[in-house]
């Protein structure tokens, strides 16, 4: 996914890109290729793709509520661009 950005060596063994939410900080399902739970209306999901490189983690998190019609974002959206600090 990151190849076209020419970022060099990055950590690529990410096993999931999100998880369910509820009373605990993280709850099932584990959003990724190894979890086969069906996403259903009423679920709250935390979608958090990340990039790990040179010992740093860059991650955004979107929190969604699954409805019969699709999803509603229930937290402010991550910015389209972030500042680069050199």
Protein backbone atom coordinates (compact mmCIF):
# COMPACT_ATOMS: atom_id res chain seq x y z
CA UNK A 1 0.00 0.00 0.00
CA UNK A 2 2.82 2.42 0.78
CA UNK A 3 5.15 1.37 -2.09
CA UNK A 4 4.24 4.27 -4.38
CA UNK A 5 5.23 6.75 -1.65
CA UNK A 6 8.85 5.46 -1.74
CA UNK A 7 9.16 5.44 2.05
CA UNK A 8 11.95 2.86 2.18
CA UNK A 9 11.88 0.00 4.66
CA UNK A 10 8.70 -0.01 6.70
CA UNK A 11 7.11 -2.55 9.03
CA UNK A 12 4.61 -4.49 6.96
CA UNK A 13 3.33 -7.28 9.24
CA UNK A 14 0.24 -5.47 10.47
CA UNK A 15 -2.35 -8.06 11.42
CA UNK A 16 -5.39 -5.79 11.71
CA UNK A 17 -6.58 -2.30 10.89
CA UNK A 18 -9.13 -1.87 13.64
CA UNK A 19 -11.28 -3.31 16.39
CA UNK A 20 -14.67 -3.12 17.99
CA UNK A 21 -15.52 -0.70 20.76
CA UNK A 22 -17.78 -0.76 23.77
CA UNK A 23 -17.24 -0.90 27.51
CA UNK A 24 -13.61 -2.02 27.17
CA UNK A 25 -10.98 -0.07 25.24
CA UNK A 26 -10.72 -2.77 22.59
CA UNK A 27 -13.35 -5.41 21.92
CA UNK A 28 -14.07 -7.92 19.17
CA UNK A 29 -14.18 -8.00 16.27
CA UNK A 30 -10.57 -7.58 15.28
CA UNK A 31 -10.87 -5.91 11.88
CA UNK A 32 -8.44 -7.76 9.66
CA UNK A 33 -7.99 -10.78 7.44
CA UNK A 34 -7.98 -13.29 10.32
CA UNK A 35 -11.34 -12.35 11.83
CA UNK A 36 -14.44 -13.63 10.09
CA UNK A 37 -17.11 -12.00 12.25
CA UNK A 38 -19.86 -10.40 10.18
CA UNK A 39 -20.08 -6.63 10.65
CA UNK A 40 -23.66 -5.82 11.69
CA UNK A 41 -25.77 -2.74 12.43
CA UNK A 42 -25.31 -1.58 16.00
CA UNK A 43 -21.56 -2.23 16.13
CA UNK A 44 -19.05 0.48 16.96
CA UNK A 45 -15.74 0.06 15.13
CA UNK A 46 -12.42 1.83 15.50
CA UNK A 47 -10.66 1.88 12.12
CA UNK A 48 -6.99 2.69 12.69
CA UNK A 49 -4.59 2.10 9.80
CA UNK A 50 -1.01 2.83 10.72
CA UNK A 51 2.48 3.09 9.31
CA UNK A 52 5.50 2.00 11.35
CA UNK A 53 8.90 3.20 10.24
CA UNK A 54 12.24 3.92 11.92
CA UNK A 55 10.81 3.18 15.38
CA UNK A 56 7.93 5.61 14.99
CA UNK A 57 4.22 4.88 14.60
CA UNK A 58 1.96 7.10 12.51
CA UNK A 59 -1.69 6.31 13.09
CA UNK A 60 -5.10 7.83 12.59
CA UNK A 61 -8.30 6.49 14.11
CA UNK A 62 -11.84 6.88 12.86
CA UNK A 63 -14.71 5.73 15.07
CA UNK A 64 -17.83 4.59 13.26
CA UNK A 65 -21.29 3.33 14.20
CA UNK A 66 -22.64 0.74 11.78
CA UNK A 67 -26.25 1.39 10.72
CA UNK A 68 -28.68 -0.36 8.38
CA UNK A 69 -27.86 2.28 5.75
CA UNK A 70 -24.06 2.32 6.16
CA UNK A 71 -21.92 4.04 8.78
CA UNK A 72 -22.00 7.21 10.85
CA UNK A 73 -18.76 8.79 12.02
CA UNK A 74 -19.10 9.37 15.77
CA UNK A 75 -15.84 11.23 16.37
CA UNK A 76 -14.20 14.13 14.53
CA UNK A 77 -12.52 12.96 11.32
CA UNK A 78 -8.74 12.86 11.09
CA UNK A 79 -7.28 15.70 9.03
CA UNK A 80 -6.60 15.14 5.33
CA UNK A 81 -2.99 16.30 5.86
CA UNK A 82 -0.76 16.45 8.89
CA UNK A 83 2.11 18.78 9.63
CA UNK A 84 5.63 17.49 9.08
CA UNK A 85 7.99 18.30 11.92
CA UNK A 86 11.66 18.19 10.99
